[in-house]
PDB file of N, CA and C in Angstrom:
ATOM      1  N   MET A   1       1.020  -1.192   0.363  1.00  0.00           N
ATOM      2  CA  MET A   1       0.062  -0.001   0.654  1.00  0.00           C
ATOM      3  C   MET A   1       0.707   1.127  -0.487  1.00  0.00           C
ATOM      4  N   ASP A   2       0.673   1.919  -1.330  1.00  0.00           N
ATOM      5  CA  ASP A   2       1.229   2.925  -0.989  1.00  0.00           C
ATOM      6  C   ASP A   2       0.644   4.687  -0.400  1.00  0.00           C
ATOM      7  N   LEU A   3       1.084   5.560   0.475  1.00  0.00           N
ATOM      8  CA  LEU A   3       0.517   5.934   1.351  1.00  0.00           C
ATOM      9  C   LEU A   3       1.308   7.746   1.356  1.00  0.00           C
ATOM     10  N   PRO A   4       0.773   8.888   1.558  1.00  0.00           N
ATOM     11  CA  PRO A   4       1.350  10.199   1.377  1.00  0.00           C
ATOM     12  C   PRO A   4       2.287  10.028   2.712  1.00  0.00           C
ATOM     13  N   ALA A   5       3.252  10.927   3.067  1.00  0.00           N
ATOM     14  CA  ALA A   5       3.500  11.396   4.058  1.00  0.00           C
ATOM     15  C   ALA A   5       2.513  12.403   5.178  1.00  0.00           C
ATOM     16  N   GLU A   6       1.539  11.904   5.321  1.00  0.00           N
ATOM     17  CA  GLU A   6       0.444  12.430   6.090  1.00  0.00           C
ATOM     18  C   GLU A   6       0.128  11.745   7.838  1.00  0.00           C
ATOM     19  N   PRO A   7       0.031  12.328   8.974  1.00  0.00           N
ATOM     20  CA  PRO A   7      -0.077  11.870   9.898  1.00  0.00           C
ATOM     21  C   PRO A   7      -1.397  10.486   9.649  1.00  0.00           C
ATOM     22  N   ALA A   8      -2.090  11.096   8.892  1.00  0.00           N
ATOM     23  CA  ALA A   8      -3.302   9.993   8.701  1.00  0.00           C
ATOM     24  C   ALA A   8      -3.283   8.683   8.272  1.00  0.00           C
ATOM     25  N   SER A   9      -2.016   8.877   7.709  1.00  0.00           N
ATOM     26  CA  SER A   9      -1.264   7.686   6.902  1.00  0.00           C
ATOM     27  C   SER A   9      -0.810   6.319   7.650  1.00  0.00           C
ATOM     28  N   VAL A  10      -0.655   6.494   8.912  1.00  0.00           N
ATOM     29  CA  VAL A  10      -0.198   5.962   9.662  1.00  0.00           C
ATOM     30  C   VAL A  10      -1.504   5.360  10.355  1.00  0.00           C
ATOM     31  N   GLY A  11      -2.730   5.854  10.444  1.00  0.00           N
ATOM     32  CA  GLY A  11      -3.346   4.861  10.802  1.00  0.00           C
ATOM     33  C   GLY A  11      -4.206   4.295   9.493  1.00  0.00           C
ATOM     34  N   GLN A  12      -3.998   4.636   8.643  1.00  0.00           N
ATOM     35  CA  GLN A  12      -4.253   3.603   7.369  1.00  0.00           C
ATOM     36  C   GLN A  12      -3.629   2.691   7.031  1.00  0.00           C
ATOM     37  N   ALA A  13      -2.276   2.581   7.214  1.00  0.00           N
ATOM     38  CA  ALA A  13      -1.324   1.931   7.607  1.00  0.00           C
ATOM     39  C   ALA A  13      -1.474   0.712   8.374  1.00  0.00           C
ATOM     40  N   ARG A  14      -2.144   0.730   9.387  1.00  0.00           N
ATOM     41  CA  ARG A  14      -2.532   0.174  10.576  1.00  0.00           C
ATOM     42  C   ARG A  14      -3.889  -0.576  10.322  1.00  0.00           C
ATOM     43  N   ARG A  15      -4.720   0.359   9.516  1.00  0.00           N
ATOM     44  CA  ARG A  15      -6.036  -0.377   8.957  1.00  0.00           C
ATOM     45  C   ARG A  15      -5.560  -1.631   7.651  1.00  0.00           C
ATOM     46  N   PHE A  16      -4.366  -1.575   6.991  1.00  0.00           N
ATOM     47  CA  PHE A  16      -4.372  -2.132   6.266  1.00  0.00           C
ATOM     48  C   PHE A  16      -3.616  -3.558   6.294  1.00  0.00           C
ATOM     49  N   VAL A  17      -2.347  -3.187   7.433  1.00  0.00           N
ATOM     50  CA  VAL A  17      -2.034  -4.864   7.955  1.00  0.00           C
ATOM     51  C   VAL A  17      -3.381  -5.348   8.833  1.00  0.00           C
ATOM     52  N   ARG A  18      -3.863  -5.070   9.664  1.00  0.00           N
ATOM     53  CA  ARG A  18      -5.113  -5.307  10.195  1.00  0.00           C
ATOM     54  C   ARG A  18      -6.303  -6.417   9.418  1.00  0.00           C
ATOM     55  N   GLY A  19      -6.077  -5.535   8.372  1.00  0.00           N
ATOM     56  CA  GLY A  19      -6.870  -6.618   6.826  1.00  0.00           C
ATOM     57  C   GLY A  19      -6.153  -7.259   6.415  1.00  0.00           C
ATOM     58  N   VAL A  20      -5.209  -7.168   6.553  1.00  0.00           N
ATOM     59  CA  VAL A  20      -4.364  -8.379   5.313  1.00  0.00           C
ATOM     60  C   VAL A  20      -4.394  -9.215   6.802  1.00  0.00           C
ATOM     61  N   LEU A  21      -3.584  -8.981   7.963  1.00  0.00           N
ATOM     62  CA  LEU A  21      -3.889 -10.594   9.060  1.00  0.00           C
ATOM     63  C   LEU A  21      -5.493 -11.293   8.966  1.00  0.00           C
ATOM     64  N   ALA A  22      -6.036 -10.386   8.859  1.00  0.00           N
ATOM     65  CA  ALA A  22      -7.533 -10.870   8.903  1.00  0.00           C
ATOM     66  C   ALA A  22      -7.786 -11.969   7.648  1.00  0.00           C
ATOM     67  N   ASP A  23      -7.687 -11.438   6.718  1.00  0.00           N
ATOM     68  CA  ASP A  23      -7.248 -12.263   5.598  1.00  0.00           C
ATOM     69  C   ASP A  23      -7.072 -13.561   5.754  1.00  0.00           C
ATOM     70  N   TRP A  24      -5.826 -13.778   6.386  1.00  0.00           N
ATOM     71  CA  TRP A  24      -4.839 -14.587   6.275  1.00  0.00           C
ATOM     72  C   TRP A  24      -5.156 -15.873   7.520  1.00  0.00           C
ATOM     73  N   LYS A  25      -6.051 -15.181   8.703  1.00  0.00           N
ATOM     74  CA  LYS A  25      -6.597 -15.582   9.704  1.00  0.00           C
ATOM     75  C   LYS A  25      -5.687 -15.376  10.408  1.00  0.00           C
ATOM     76  N   LEU A  26      -5.160 -14.758  10.691  1.00  0.00           N
ATOM     77  CA  LEU A  26      -3.600 -14.374  12.329  1.00  0.00           C
ATOM     78  C   LEU A  26      -4.088 -13.477  12.982  1.00  0.00           C
ATOM     79  N   GLU A  27      -5.341 -13.573  13.241  1.00  0.00           N
ATOM     80  CA  GLU A  27      -5.885 -12.340  13.984  1.00  0.00           C
ATOM     81  C   GLU A  27      -4.788 -12.221  15.276  1.00  0.00           C
ATOM     82  N   SER A  28      -4.152 -13.509  15.926  1.00  0.00           N
ATOM     83  CA  SER A  28      -3.435 -12.945  16.881  1.00  0.00           C
ATOM     84  C   SER A  28      -2.249 -12.740  16.913  1.00  0.00           C
ATOM     85  N   LEU A  29      -2.012 -12.134  15.835  1.00  0.00           N
ATOM     86  CA  LEU A  29      -0.551 -11.315  15.434  1.00  0.00           C
ATOM     87  C   LEU A  29      -1.052  -9.997  15.399  1.00  0.00           C
ATOM     88  N   VAL A  30      -2.559  -9.394  15.437  1.00  0.00           N
ATOM     89  CA  VAL A  30      -2.923  -8.279  14.705  1.00  0.00           C
ATOM     90  C   VAL A  30      -2.476  -6.791  15.975  1.00  0.00           C
ATOM     91  N   ASP A  31      -1.934  -7.118  17.412  1.00  0.00           N
ATOM     92  CA  ASP A  31      -1.700  -5.769  18.236  1.00  0.00           C
ATOM     93  C   ASP A  31      -0.350  -5.641  17.735  1.00  0.00           C
ATOM     94  N   THR A  32       0.632  -6.860  18.075  1.00  0.00           N
ATOM     95  CA  THR A  32       2.133  -7.140  17.768  1.00  0.00           C
ATOM     96  C   THR A  32       2.523  -6.103  16.510  1.00  0.00           C
ATOM     97  N   VAL A  33       1.838  -6.720  15.183  1.00  0.00           N
ATOM     98  CA  VAL A  33       2.241  -6.470  14.099  1.00  0.00           C
ATOM     99  C   VAL A  33       1.438  -5.033  13.662  1.00  0.00           C
ATOM    100  N   THR A  34       0.765  -4.369  14.164  1.00  0.00           N
ATOM    101  CA  THR A  34      -0.030  -2.978  13.818  1.00  0.00           C
ATOM    102  C   THR A  34       1.059  -2.500  14.205  1.00  0.00           C
ATOM    103  N   LEU A  35       1.186  -2.520  15.655  1.00  0.00           N
ATOM    104  CA  LEU A  35       1.990  -1.616  16.542  1.00  0.00           C
ATOM    105  C   LEU A  35       3.044  -0.980  15.920  1.00  0.00           C
ATOM    106  N   LEU A  36       3.620  -2.193  15.735  1.00  0.00           N
ATOM    107  CA  LEU A  36       5.128  -1.840  14.805  1.00  0.00           C
ATOM    108  C   LEU A  36       5.030  -1.709  13.511  1.00  0.00           C
ATOM    109  N   THR A  37       3.907  -1.572  12.600  1.00  0.00           N
ATOM    110  CA  THR A  37       4.125  -1.026  11.832  1.00  0.00           C
ATOM    111  C   THR A  37       3.733   0.470  11.923  1.00  0.00           C
ATOM    112  N   SER A  38       3.020   0.632  12.923  1.00  0.00           N
ATOM    113  CA  SER A  38       3.019   2.354  13.230  1.00  0.00           C
ATOM    114  C   SER A  38       3.867   2.640  13.874  1.00  0.00           C
ATOM    115  N   GLU A  39       4.742   2.325  14.634  1.00  0.00           N
ATOM    116  CA  GLU A  39       6.020   2.580  14.671  1.00  0.00           C
ATOM    117  C   GLU A  39       6.930   3.320  13.524  1.00  0.00           C
ATOM    118  N   LEU A  40       6.780   2.110  12.759  1.00  0.00           N
ATOM    119  CA  LEU A  40       7.682   2.222  11.354  1.00  0.00           C
ATOM    120  C   LEU A  40       7.032   3.163  10.207  1.00  0.00           C
ATOM    121  N   ALA A  41       5.538   3.516  10.384  1.00  0.00           N
ATOM    122  CA  ALA A  41       5.131   4.179   9.462  1.00  0.00           C
ATOM    123  C   ALA A  41       5.298   5.713  10.254  1.00  0.00           C
ATOM    124  N   THR A  42       5.528   5.616  11.371  1.00  0.00           N
ATOM    125  CA  THR A  42       5.054   6.932  12.180  1.00  0.00           C
ATOM    126  C   THR A  42       7.004   7.592  11.527  1.00  0.00           C
ATOM    127  N   ASN A  43       7.791   6.739  11.521  1.00  0.00           N
ATOM    128  CA  ASN A  43       9.085   7.247  11.272  1.00  0.00           C
ATOM    129  C   ASN A  43       8.987   7.924   9.994  1.00  0.00           C
ATOM    130  N   ALA A  44       8.778   6.985   9.243  1.00  0.00           N
ATOM    131  CA  ALA A  44       8.190   7.396   7.674  1.00  0.00           C
ATOM    132  C   ALA A  44       7.945   9.134   7.645  1.00  0.00           C
ATOM    133  N   VAL A  45       6.438   9.770   8.769  1.00  0.00           N
ATOM    134  CA  VAL A  45       6.051  10.605   8.427  1.00  0.00           C
ATOM    135  C   VAL A  45       6.567  11.853   8.907  1.00  0.00           C
ATOM    136  N   LEU A  46       7.183  11.192  10.331  1.00  0.00           N
ATOM    137  CA  LEU A  46       7.697  12.425  11.117  1.00  0.00           C
ATOM    138  C   LEU A  46       9.311  12.794  10.490  1.00  0.00           C
ATOM    139  N   HIS A  47      10.070  11.755  10.128  1.00  0.00           N
ATOM    140  CA  HIS A  47      11.748  11.758  10.268  1.00  0.00           C
ATOM    141  C   HIS A  47      12.002  11.855   8.266  1.00  0.00           C
ATOM    142  N   ALA A  48      11.338  10.956   7.653  1.00  0.00           N
ATOM    143  CA  ALA A  48      11.430  10.939   6.147  1.00  0.00           C
ATOM    144  C   ALA A  48      11.096  11.630   5.541  1.00  0.00           C
ATOM    145  N   ARG A  49       9.630  12.344   5.816  1.00  0.00           N
ATOM    146  CA  ARG A  49       9.298  13.308   5.501  1.00  0.00           C
ATOM    147  C   ARG A  49       8.564  13.165   3.719  1.00  0.00           C
ATOM    148  N   THR A  50       8.433  11.467   3.508  1.00  0.00           N
ATOM    149  CA  THR A  50       8.274  11.405   2.090  1.00  0.00           C
ATOM    150  C   THR A  50       7.051  10.874   2.256  1.00  0.00           C
ATOM    151  N   GLY A  51       5.897  10.391   1.014  1.00  0.00           N
ATOM    152  CA  GLY A  51       5.396   9.336   0.503  1.00  0.00           C
ATOM    153  C   GLY A  51       6.612   7.713   0.519  1.00  0.00           C
ATOM    154  N   PHE A  52       6.090   6.998   1.345  1.00  0.00           N
ATOM    155  CA  PHE A  52       5.690   5.482   1.991  1.00  0.00           C
ATOM    156  C   PHE A  52       4.997   4.291   1.794  1.00  0.00           C
ATOM    157  N   ALA A  53       5.577   3.177   1.675  1.00  0.00           N
ATOM    158  CA  ALA A  53       4.703   2.205   1.011  1.00  0.00           C
ATOM    159  C   ALA A  53       4.834   0.911   2.273  1.00  0.00           C
ATOM    160  N   VAL A  54       3.485   0.256   2.619  1.00  0.00           N
ATOM    161  CA  VAL A  54       3.749  -0.617   3.259  1.00  0.00           C
ATOM    162  C   VAL A  54       3.642  -1.927   2.583  1.00  0.00           C
ATOM    163  N   VAL A  55       4.311  -2.676   3.168  1.00  0.00           N
ATOM    164  CA  VAL A  55       4.205  -3.996   2.086  1.00  0.00           C
ATOM    165  C   VAL A  55       4.530  -5.639   3.379  1.00  0.00           C
ATOM    166  N   VAL A  56       2.891  -6.207   3.147  1.00  0.00           N
ATOM    167  CA  VAL A  56       2.978  -7.405   4.218  1.00  0.00           C
ATOM    168  C   VAL A  56       3.296  -8.468   3.672  1.00  0.00           C
ATOM    169  N   SER A  57       4.274  -9.256   3.667  1.00  0.00           N
ATOM    170  CA  SER A  57       3.968 -10.606   3.091  1.00  0.00           C
ATOM    171  C   SER A  57       4.282 -11.471   4.417  1.00  0.00           C
ATOM    172  N   LEU A  58       4.290 -12.966   3.755  1.00  0.00           N
ATOM    173  CA  LEU A  58       3.810 -14.257   4.364  1.00  0.00           C
ATOM    174  C   LEU A  58       4.826 -15.326   3.678  1.00  0.00           C
ATOM    175  N   SER A  59       5.870 -15.722   5.021  1.00  0.00           N
ATOM    176  CA  SER A  59       6.506 -17.185   4.140  1.00  0.00           C
ATOM    177  C   SER A  59       7.255 -17.389   5.485  1.00  0.00           C
ATOM    178  N   GLY A  60       6.973 -18.447   5.025  1.00  0.00           N
ATOM    179  CA  GLY A  60       6.968 -20.108   6.008  1.00  0.00           C
ATOM    180  C   GLY A  60       6.320 -19.858   7.505  1.00  0.00           C
ATOM    181  N   ARG A  61       6.966 -19.326   8.956  1.00  0.00           N
ATOM    182  CA  ARG A  61       5.935 -19.692   9.547  1.00  0.00           C
ATOM    183  C   ARG A  61       6.480 -18.198  10.400  1.00  0.00           C
ATOM    184  N   GLU A  62       6.542 -16.660   9.403  1.00  0.00           N
ATOM    185  CA  GLU A  62       6.576 -15.619   9.898  1.00  0.00           C
ATOM    186  C   GLU A  62       5.739 -14.587   9.229  1.00  0.00           C
ATOM    187  N   VAL A  63       5.176 -13.934   9.625  1.00  0.00           N
ATOM    188  CA  VAL A  63       4.768 -12.288   9.252  1.00  0.00           C
ATOM    189  C   VAL A  63       5.746 -11.132   8.735  1.00  0.00           C
ATOM    190  N   ARG A  64       6.174 -11.143   7.456  1.00  0.00           N
ATOM    191  CA  ARG A  64       7.114  -9.372   7.392  1.00  0.00           C
ATOM    192  C   ARG A  64       6.734  -8.661   7.198  1.00  0.00           C
ATOM    193  N   VAL A  65       6.619  -7.305   7.812  1.00  0.00           N
ATOM    194  CA  VAL A  65       6.289  -5.864   7.524  1.00  0.00           C
ATOM    195  C   VAL A  65       7.142  -5.172   7.050  1.00  0.00           C
ATOM    196  N   ASP A  66       7.799  -4.639   5.540  1.00  0.00           N
ATOM    197  CA  ASP A  66       8.623  -4.089   5.031  1.00  0.00           C
ATOM    198  C   ASP A  66       8.106  -2.254   4.872  1.00  0.00           C
ATOM    199  N   VAL A  67       8.595  -1.412   5.451  1.00  0.00           N
ATOM    200  CA  VAL A  67       7.751   0.044   5.408  1.00  0.00           C
ATOM    201  C   VAL A  67       9.068   0.677   4.918  1.00  0.00           C
ATOM    202  N   LEU A  68       8.744   1.240   3.625  1.00  0.00           N
ATOM    203  CA  LEU A  68       9.720   1.742   2.430  1.00  0.00           C
ATOM    204  C   LEU A  68       9.354   2.905   2.609  1.00  0.00           C
ATOM    205  N   ASP A  69      10.302   3.911   2.254  1.00  0.00           N
ATOM    206  CA  ASP A  69      10.247   5.732   1.773  1.00  0.00           C
ATOM    207  C   ASP A  69      11.345   6.330   0.986  1.00  0.00           C
ATOM    208  N   GLY A  70      11.161   7.712   0.749  1.00  0.00           N
ATOM    209  CA  GLY A  70      12.176   8.228   0.099  1.00  0.00           C
ATOM    210  C   GLY A  70      13.793   8.899   0.692  1.00  0.00           C
ATOM    211  N   SER A  71      13.590   8.479   2.358  1.00  0.00           N
ATOM    212  CA  SER A  71      14.992   9.519   2.745  1.00  0.00           C
ATOM    213  C   SER A  71      15.770   8.107   2.933  1.00  0.00           C
ATOM    214  N   ALA A  72      16.810   8.314   2.435  1.00  0.00           N
ATOM    215  CA  ALA A  72      18.634   7.397   2.775  1.00  0.00           C
ATOM    216  C   ALA A  72      18.703   7.453   3.882  1.00  0.00           C
ATOM    217  N   VAL A  73      18.155   8.599   4.929  1.00  0.00           N
ATOM    218  CA  VAL A  73      18.689   8.099   5.984  1.00  0.00           C
ATOM    219  C   VAL A  73      18.475   6.905   6.936  1.00  0.00           C
ATOM    220  N   THR A  74      19.298   5.867   7.572  1.00  0.00           N
ATOM    221  CA  THR A  74      18.843   4.783   8.250  1.00  0.00           C
ATOM    222  C   THR A  74      18.492   4.703   9.399  1.00  0.00           C
ATOM    223  N   PRO A  75      17.285   4.620  10.221  1.00  0.00           N
ATOM    224  CA  PRO A  75      16.822   4.964  11.201  1.00  0.00           C
ATOM    225  C   PRO A  75      17.641   4.148  12.584  1.00  0.00           C
ATOM    226  N   ARG A  76      17.947   5.107  13.795  1.00  0.00           N
ATOM    227  CA  ARG A  76      18.914   4.012  14.634  1.00  0.00           C
ATOM    228  C   ARG A  76      18.341   4.560  15.942  1.00  0.00           C
ATOM    229  N   SER A  77      18.754   3.288  16.681  1.00  0.00           N
ATOM    230  CA  SER A  77      18.196   2.937  18.569  1.00  0.00           C
ATOM    231  C   SER A  77      18.516   4.608  18.994  1.00  0.00           C
ATOM    232  N   ARG A  78      17.802   4.579  19.475  1.00  0.00           N
ATOM    233  CA  ARG A  78      18.416   6.231  20.967  1.00  0.00           C
ATOM    234  C   ARG A  78      17.934   5.972  22.269  1.00  0.00           C
ATOM    235  N   GLN A  79      18.487   6.906  22.833  1.00  0.00           N
ATOM    236  CA  GLN A  79      17.916   6.833  24.139  1.00  0.00           C
ATOM    237  C   GLN A  79      17.096   7.932  24.468  1.00  0.00           C
ATOM    238  N   PRO A  80      16.252   8.395  24.466  1.00  0.00           N
ATOM    239  CA  PRO A  80      15.290   9.091  24.998  1.00  0.00           C
ATOM    240  C   PRO A  80      15.846   9.747  26.431  1.00  0.00           C
ATOM    241  N   SER A  81      15.089  10.690  26.823  1.00  0.00           N
ATOM    242  CA  SER A  81      14.735  10.684  27.891  1.00  0.00           C
ATOM    243  C   SER A  81      13.441  10.628  28.384  1.00  0.00           C
ATOM    244  N   LEU A  82      13.184  10.675  29.634  1.00  0.00           N
ATOM    245  CA  LEU A  82      11.713   9.948  30.131  1.00  0.00           C
ATOM    246  C   LEU A  82      10.971  10.693  29.546  1.00  0.00           C
ATOM    247  N   THR A  83      11.200  12.145  29.633  1.00  0.00           N
ATOM    248  CA  THR A  83       9.986  13.093  29.178  1.00  0.00           C
ATOM    249  C   THR A  83      10.120  13.723  27.364  1.00  0.00           C
ATOM    250  N   ALA A  84      10.824  13.207  26.842  1.00  0.00           N
ATOM    251  CA  ALA A  84      10.745  13.036  25.357  1.00  0.00           C
ATOM    252  C   ALA A  84       9.527  12.464  24.518  1.00  0.00           C
ATOM    253  N   ALA A  85       9.351  13.379  23.893  1.00  0.00           N
ATOM    254  CA  ALA A  85       7.755  11.975  23.156  1.00  0.00           C
ATOM    255  C   ALA A  85       8.095  11.605  21.900  1.00  0.00           C
ATOM    256  N   THR A  86       9.372  11.669  21.551  1.00  0.00           N
ATOM    257  CA  THR A  86       9.739  10.543  20.542  1.00  0.00           C
ATOM    258  C   THR A  86      11.029   9.617  21.224  1.00  0.00           C
ATOM    259  N   GLY A  87      11.386   9.034  19.727  1.00  0.00           N
ATOM    260  CA  GLY A  87      12.480   8.181  20.417  1.00  0.00           C
ATOM    261  C   GLY A  87      12.433   7.018  20.744  1.00  0.00           C
ATOM    262  N   ARG A  88      11.770   5.916  20.531  1.00  0.00           N
ATOM    263  CA  ARG A  88      10.994   5.269  21.299  1.00  0.00           C
ATOM    264  C   ARG A  88      11.035   4.003  20.085  1.00  0.00           C
ATOM    265  N   GLY A  89      10.097   4.548  19.188  1.00  0.00           N
ATOM    266  CA  GLY A  89      10.266   3.347  18.050  1.00  0.00           C
ATOM    267  C   GLY A  89      11.309   2.351  17.533  1.00  0.00           C
ATOM    268  N   VAL A  90      12.260   2.576  17.936  1.00  0.00           N
ATOM    269  CA  VAL A  90      13.369   1.623  16.535  1.00  0.00           C
ATOM    270  C   VAL A  90      13.571   0.444  17.917  1.00  0.00           C
ATOM    271  N   ASN A  91      13.772   0.981  19.263  1.00  0.00           N
ATOM    272  CA  ASN A  91      13.926   0.478  20.118  1.00  0.00           C
ATOM    273  C   ASN A  91      12.224  -0.363  20.566  1.00  0.00           C
ATOM    274  N   MET A  92      11.136  -0.068  20.368  1.00  0.00           N
ATOM    275  CA  MET A  92      10.493  -0.893  20.467  1.00  0.00           C
ATOM    276  C   MET A  92      10.358  -2.171  19.523  1.00  0.00           C
ATOM    277  N   VAL A  93      10.648  -1.539  18.245  1.00  0.00           N
ATOM    278  CA  VAL A  93      10.703  -3.009  17.147  1.00  0.00           C
ATOM    279  C   VAL A  93      11.499  -4.161  17.296  1.00  0.00           C
ATOM    280  N   ALA A  94      12.729  -3.162  18.311  1.00  0.00           N
ATOM    281  CA  ALA A  94      14.089  -4.196  18.183  1.00  0.00           C
ATOM    282  C   ALA A  94      13.032  -5.152  19.078  1.00  0.00           C
ATOM    283  N   ALA A  95      12.194  -4.956  20.098  1.00  0.00           N
ATOM    284  CA  ALA A  95      12.652  -5.699  21.036  1.00  0.00           C
ATOM    285  C   ALA A  95      10.880  -6.519  21.140  1.00  0.00           C
ATOM    286  N   LEU A  96      10.514  -6.123  20.361  1.00  0.00           N
ATOM    287  CA  LEU A  96       9.111  -6.834  19.689  1.00  0.00           C
ATOM    288  C   LEU A  96       8.964  -8.042  18.899  1.00  0.00           C
ATOM    289  N   ALA A  97       9.786  -7.721  17.912  1.00  0.00           N
ATOM    290  CA  ALA A  97      10.053  -8.627  16.805  1.00  0.00           C
ATOM    291  C   ALA A  97      10.958  -9.493  16.753  1.00  0.00           C
ATOM    292  N   ASP A  98      10.681 -10.599  16.059  1.00  0.00           N
ATOM    293  CA  ASP A  98      11.836 -11.599  16.263  1.00  0.00           C
ATOM    294  C   ASP A  98      13.096 -11.206  15.350  1.00  0.00           C
ATOM    295  N   ARG A  99      12.802 -10.597  14.077  1.00  0.00           N
ATOM    296  CA  ARG A  99      13.805  -9.876  13.066  1.00  0.00           C
ATOM    297  C   ARG A  99      13.529  -8.485  12.771  1.00  0.00           C
ATOM    298  N   TRP A 100      14.515  -7.710  12.755  1.00  0.00           N
ATOM    299  CA  TRP A 100      14.254  -6.483  11.822  1.00  0.00           C
ATOM    300  C   TRP A 100      15.877  -5.873  11.478  1.00  0.00           C
ATOM    301  N   GLY A 101      15.123  -5.157  10.323  1.00  0.00           N
ATOM    302  CA  GLY A 101      16.963  -4.282  10.073  1.00  0.00           C
ATOM    303  C   GLY A 101      16.284  -3.681   8.954  1.00  0.00           C
ATOM    304  N   PRO A 102      17.269  -3.061   7.786  1.00  0.00           N
ATOM    305  CA  PRO A 102      17.386  -2.556   6.800  1.00  0.00           C
ATOM    306  C   PRO A 102      16.764  -3.707   5.672  1.00  0.00           C
ATOM    307  N   THR A 103      15.674  -3.104   4.372  1.00  0.00           N
ATOM    308  CA  THR A 103      15.489  -3.433   3.615  1.00  0.00           C
ATOM    309  C   THR A 103      16.384  -4.096   2.377  1.00  0.00           C
ATOM    310  N   PRO A 104      16.496  -5.018   2.347  1.00  0.00           N
ATOM    311  CA  PRO A 104      17.418  -5.468   1.123  1.00  0.00           C
ATOM    312  C   PRO A 104      17.338  -4.396  -0.223  1.00  0.00           C
ATOM    313  N   HIS A 105      18.427  -3.642  -0.443  1.00  0.00           N
ATOM    314  CA  HIS A 105      18.276  -2.874  -1.838  1.00  0.00           C
ATOM    315  C   HIS A 105      16.985  -3.432  -3.170  1.00  0.00           C
ATOM    316  N   THR A 106      17.461  -4.811  -3.207  1.00  0.00           N
ATOM    317  CA  THR A 106      16.487  -5.685  -3.915  1.00  0.00           C
ATOM    318  C   THR A 106      14.944  -5.232  -4.003  1.00  0.00           C
ATOM    319  N   HIS A 107      14.605  -4.687  -2.931  1.00  0.00           N
ATOM    320  CA  HIS A 107      13.266  -5.321  -2.403  1.00  0.00           C
ATOM    321  C   HIS A 107      12.703  -3.778  -2.407  1.00  0.00           C
ATOM    322  N   LEU A 108      13.619  -2.400  -2.270  1.00  0.00           N
ATOM    323  CA  LEU A 108      12.924  -1.475  -2.311  1.00  0.00           C
ATOM    324  C   LEU A 108      12.160  -1.027  -3.236  1.00  0.00           C
ATOM    325  N   GLN A 109      11.895  -1.252  -4.074  1.00  0.00           N
ATOM    326  CA  GLN A 109      10.372  -1.069  -5.224  1.00  0.00           C
ATOM    327  C   GLN A 109      10.827   0.874  -5.707  1.00  0.00           C
ATOM    328  N   GLY A 110      11.936   1.107  -5.606  1.00  0.00           N
ATOM    329  CA  GLY A 110      11.169   2.562  -6.163  1.00  0.00           C
ATOM    330  C   GLY A 110      12.127   3.732  -5.646  1.00  0.00           C
ATOM    331  N   PHE A 111      12.430   2.883  -4.008  1.00  0.00           N
ATOM    332  CA  PHE A 111      12.173   3.935  -2.464  1.00  0.00           C
ATOM    333  C   PHE A 111      13.799   3.970  -2.415  1.00  0.00           C
ATOM    334  N   ALA A 112      14.171   5.024  -1.357  1.00  0.00           N
ATOM    335  CA  ALA A 112      15.695   5.218  -0.833  1.00  0.00           C
ATOM    336  C   ALA A 112      16.272   4.409   0.079  1.00  0.00           C
ATOM    337  N   LYS A 113      15.054   3.987   0.897  1.00  0.00           N
ATOM    338  CA  LYS A 113      15.582   2.944   2.091  1.00  0.00           C
ATOM    339  C   LYS A 113      14.144   2.194   2.728  1.00  0.00           C
ATOM    340  N   GLY A 114      13.886   1.316   3.290  1.00  0.00           N
ATOM    341  CA  GLY A 114      12.894   0.313   4.115  1.00  0.00           C
ATOM    342  C   GLY A 114      13.282  -0.174   5.277  1.00  0.00           C
ATOM    343  N   VAL A 115      12.788  -0.465   6.188  1.00  0.00           N
ATOM    344  CA  VAL A 115      13.268  -1.051   7.640  1.00  0.00           C
ATOM    345  C   VAL A 115      12.104  -1.851   7.212  1.00  0.00           C
ATOM    346  N   TYR A 116      12.387  -3.345   7.771  1.00  0.00           N
ATOM    347  CA  TYR A 116      11.388  -4.668   7.953  1.00  0.00           C
ATOM    348  C   TYR A 116      11.484  -4.933   9.361  1.00  0.00           C
ATOM    349  N   PHE A 117      10.447  -5.549   9.818  1.00  0.00           N
ATOM    350  CA  PHE A 117      10.268  -6.565  10.767  1.00  0.00           C
ATOM    351  C   PHE A 117      10.004  -8.147  10.604  1.00  0.00           C
ATOM    352  N   THR A 118      10.153  -9.058  11.305  1.00  0.00           N
ATOM    353  CA  THR A 118       9.505 -10.420  11.624  1.00  0.00           C
ATOM    354  C   THR A 118       9.013 -10.773  12.463  1.00  0.00           C
ATOM    355  N   VAL A 119       7.442 -11.276  12.463  1.00  0.00           N
ATOM    356  CA  VAL A 119       6.975 -11.612  13.363  1.00  0.00           C
ATOM    357  C   VAL A 119       6.712 -13.737  13.581  1.00  0.00           C
ATOM    358  N   PRO A 120       7.228 -14.233  14.270  1.00  0.00           N
ATOM    359  CA  PRO A 120       6.571 -15.878  14.301  1.00  0.00           C
ATOM    360  C   PRO A 120       4.861 -15.864  13.929  1.00  0.00           C
ATOM    361  N   ILE A 121       4.955 -16.804  13.253  1.00  0.00           N
ATOM    362  CA  ILE A 121       3.264 -17.556  13.605  1.00  0.00           C
ATOM    363  C   ILE A 121       3.238 -18.542  14.683  1.00  0.00           C
ATOM    364  N   ALA A 122       2.551 -18.272  15.797  1.00  0.00           N
ATOM    365  CA  ALA A 122       2.859 -19.276  16.351  1.00  0.00           C
ATOM    366  C   ALA A 122       1.939 -20.668  15.629  1.00  0.00           C
ATOM    367  N   SER A 123       2.237 -21.946  16.525  1.00  0.00           N
ATOM    368  CA  SER A 123       2.491 -22.895  16.155  1.00  0.00           C
ATOM    369  C   SER A 123       0.726 -23.575  16.577  1.00  0.00           C
TER     370      SER A 123
END
């Protein structure tokens, strides 16, 4: 799903992922996957300030989400102050995802960069 760099796009990204997971009968993953998608989509809107795409795929026993945007700046983990309003998203992705990192260049679909995460499907 391609989305513009607008705050409302974050909610659209969550609804898109929720719908895909429902179609795949993976409702048990909805909370985690939508939260992590929301964090990466928010980063695209706040920091990349470009349109972005959300790609959801199912492979083996995991769901993968890539958020692709037009900024070449790689996200990094920060240690925000207790009162900071931002800066926790990448840490949250690292804590809750099975794996995460930069999207390989072969999967960027014309975007400058991407960040992916995977969440395992419980047996």
